[in-house]
């Protein structure tokens, strides 16, 4: 919160871009308040594999759901593709 108020006050004071970049350069995600660099975050074991499995499962569920909805629409004559749509 203090950093954002500092940035706003610098903008109102018509500071130079260099001064504004000096304030913005401090990233709290990688440094502590004193400026020390934080340790490297731990890697998730099999992270890419987990993401790939999640995507594949999501696509399979979506495909099955859309197939079932298309069959329902066709069985109840709500949407039946006509032969005229197949003109090549």
C-alpha atoms as a PDB file:
ATOM      1  CA  UNK A   1       0.000   0.000   0.000  1.00  0.00           C
ATOM      2  CA  UNK A   2       2.836   2.379   0.838  1.00  0.00           C
ATOM      3  CA  UNK A   3       4.516   1.777  -2.518  1.00  0.00           C
ATOM      4  CA  UNK A   4       1.366   2.674  -4.457  1.00  0.00           C
ATOM      5  CA  UNK A   5       0.890   5.911  -2.507  1.00  0.00           C
ATOM      6  CA  UNK A   6       4.556   6.732  -3.139  1.00  0.00           C
ATOM      7  CA  UNK A   7       4.079   6.168  -6.883  1.00  0.00           C
ATOM      8  CA  UNK A   8       0.980   8.368  -6.932  1.00  0.00           C
ATOM      9  CA  UNK A   9       2.807  11.143  -5.100  1.00  0.00           C
ATOM     10  CA  UNK A  10       5.720  10.877  -7.547  1.00  0.00           C
ATOM     11  CA  UNK A  11       3.340  11.112 -10.497  1.00  0.00           C
ATOM     12  CA  UNK A  12       1.669  14.189  -9.030  1.00  0.00           C
ATOM     13  CA  UNK A  13       5.070  15.799  -8.416  1.00  0.00           C
ATOM     14  CA  UNK A  14       5.949  15.439 -12.130  1.00  0.00           C
ATOM     15  CA  UNK A  15       8.994  13.293 -11.488  1.00  0.00           C
ATOM     16  CA  UNK A  16      11.160  11.953 -14.247  1.00  0.00           C
ATOM     17  CA  UNK A  17      10.727   8.497 -15.679  1.00  0.00           C
ATOM     18  CA  UNK A  18      14.076   7.457 -14.183  1.00  0.00           C
ATOM     19  CA  UNK A  19      12.923   8.345 -10.672  1.00  0.00           C
ATOM     20  CA  UNK A  20       9.641   6.504 -11.180  1.00  0.00           C
ATOM     21  CA  UNK A  21      11.466   3.402 -12.452  1.00  0.00           C
ATOM     22  CA  UNK A  22      13.670   3.436  -9.355  1.00  0.00           C
ATOM     23  CA  UNK A  23      10.584   3.126  -7.169  1.00  0.00           C
ATOM     24  CA  UNK A  24       8.954   0.506  -9.398  1.00  0.00           C
ATOM     25  CA  UNK A  25      12.124  -1.617  -9.643  1.00  0.00           C
ATOM     26  CA  UNK A  26      11.766  -3.094  -6.167  1.00  0.00           C
ATOM     27  CA  UNK A  27       9.791  -6.311  -6.419  1.00  0.00           C
ATOM     28  CA  UNK A  28       8.571  -7.746  -3.142  1.00  0.00           C
ATOM     29  CA  UNK A  29       7.991 -11.192  -4.667  1.00  0.00           C
ATOM     30  CA  UNK A  30      11.726 -11.862  -4.949  1.00  0.00           C
ATOM     31  CA  UNK A  31      13.159  -9.740  -2.150  1.00  0.00           C
ATOM     32  CA  UNK A  32      12.547  -9.203   1.540  1.00  0.00           C
ATOM     33  CA  UNK A  33      11.885  -5.785   3.069  1.00  0.00           C
ATOM     34  CA  UNK A  34      15.598  -5.384   3.751  1.00  0.00           C
ATOM     35  CA  UNK A  35      16.449  -6.147   0.116  1.00  0.00           C
ATOM     36  CA  UNK A  36      17.766  -9.688   0.563  1.00  0.00           C
ATOM     37  CA  UNK A  37      16.986 -12.099  -2.257  1.00  0.00           C
ATOM     38  CA  UNK A  38      14.532 -14.835  -1.301  1.00  0.00           C
ATOM     39  CA  UNK A  39      15.465 -18.486  -1.904  1.00  0.00           C
ATOM     40  CA  UNK A  40      14.388 -20.141  -5.135  1.00  0.00           C
ATOM     41  CA  UNK A  41      10.852 -21.555  -4.930  1.00  0.00           C
ATOM     42  CA  UNK A  42      10.439 -25.312  -4.728  1.00  0.00           C
ATOM     43  CA  UNK A  43       9.531 -27.059  -7.945  1.00  0.00           C
ATOM     44  CA  UNK A  44       6.340 -29.047  -8.177  1.00  0.00           C
ATOM     45  CA  UNK A  45       7.184 -32.689  -8.913  1.00  0.00           C
ATOM     46  CA  UNK A  46       5.667 -33.823 -12.216  1.00  0.00           C
ATOM     47  CA  UNK A  47       4.105 -30.370 -12.673  1.00  0.00           C
ATOM     48  CA  UNK A  48       3.958 -30.480 -16.475  1.00  0.00           C
ATOM     49  CA  UNK A  49       2.553 -34.013 -16.390  1.00  0.00           C
ATOM     50  CA  UNK A  50      -0.228 -32.920 -14.016  1.00  0.00           C
ATOM     51  CA  UNK A  51      -1.153 -30.009 -16.270  1.00  0.00           C
ATOM     52  CA  UNK A  52      -1.193 -32.264 -19.342  1.00  0.00           C
ATOM     53  CA  UNK A  53      -3.444 -34.794 -17.589  1.00  0.00           C
ATOM     54  CA  UNK A  54      -5.799 -31.985 -16.527  1.00  0.00           C
ATOM     55  CA  UNK A  55      -6.043 -30.659 -20.083  1.00  0.00           C
ATOM     56  CA  UNK A  56      -6.642 -34.112 -21.574  1.00  0.00           C
ATOM     57  CA  UNK A  57      -9.342 -34.918 -19.010  1.00  0.00           C
ATOM     58  CA  UNK A  58     -11.013 -31.543 -19.637  1.00  0.00           C
ATOM     59  CA  UNK A  59     -11.045 -32.045 -23.402  1.00  0.00           C
ATOM     60  CA  UNK A  60     -12.431 -35.571 -23.040  1.00  0.00           C
ATOM     61  CA  UNK A  61     -15.231 -34.402 -20.729  1.00  0.00           C
ATOM     62  CA  UNK A  62     -16.072 -31.521 -23.087  1.00  0.00           C
ATOM     63  CA  UNK A  63     -16.136 -33.782 -26.143  1.00  0.00           C
ATOM     64  CA  UNK A  64     -18.368 -36.341 -24.417  1.00  0.00           C
ATOM     65  CA  UNK A  65     -20.730 -33.652 -23.180  1.00  0.00           C
ATOM     66  CA  UNK A  66     -21.050 -32.007 -26.600  1.00  0.00           C
ATOM     67  CA  UNK A  67     -21.595 -35.382 -28.288  1.00  0.00           C
ATOM     68  CA  UNK A  68     -24.400 -36.223 -25.855  1.00  0.00           C
ATOM     69  CA  UNK A  69     -26.045 -32.825 -26.323  1.00  0.00           C
ATOM     70  CA  UNK A  70     -25.850 -33.152 -30.117  1.00  0.00           C
ATOM     71  CA  UNK A  71     -27.476 -36.608 -29.927  1.00  0.00           C
ATOM     72  CA  UNK A  72     -30.220 -35.236 -27.642  1.00  0.00           C
ATOM     73  CA  UNK A  73     -30.964 -32.369 -30.031  1.00  0.00           C
ATOM     74  CA  UNK A  74     -31.115 -34.687 -33.022  1.00  0.00           C
ATOM     75  CA  UNK A  75     -33.331 -37.299 -31.293  1.00  0.00           C
ATOM     76  CA  UNK A  76     -35.869 -34.667 -30.248  1.00  0.00           C
ATOM     77  CA  UNK A  77     -35.848 -32.976 -33.680  1.00  0.00           C
ATOM     78  CA  UNK A  78     -34.678 -29.706 -32.178  1.00  0.00           C
ATOM     79  CA  UNK A  79     -31.777 -29.527 -34.586  1.00  0.00           C
ATOM     80  CA  UNK A  80     -31.373 -31.907 -37.493  1.00  0.00           C
ATOM     81  CA  UNK A  81     -28.687 -31.127 -40.068  1.00  0.00           C
ATOM     82  CA  UNK A  82     -30.172 -31.090 -43.555  1.00  0.00           C
ATOM     83  CA  UNK A  83     -28.606 -32.689 -46.614  1.00  0.00           C
ATOM     84  CA  UNK A  84     -28.323 -29.263 -48.267  1.00  0.00           C
ATOM     85  CA  UNK A  85     -25.637 -28.304 -45.753  1.00  0.00           C
ATOM     86  CA  UNK A  86     -23.283 -30.928 -47.197  1.00  0.00           C
ATOM     87  CA  UNK A  87     -22.814 -29.195 -50.574  1.00  0.00           C
ATOM     88  CA  UNK A  88     -19.151 -29.274 -51.565  1.00  0.00           C
END
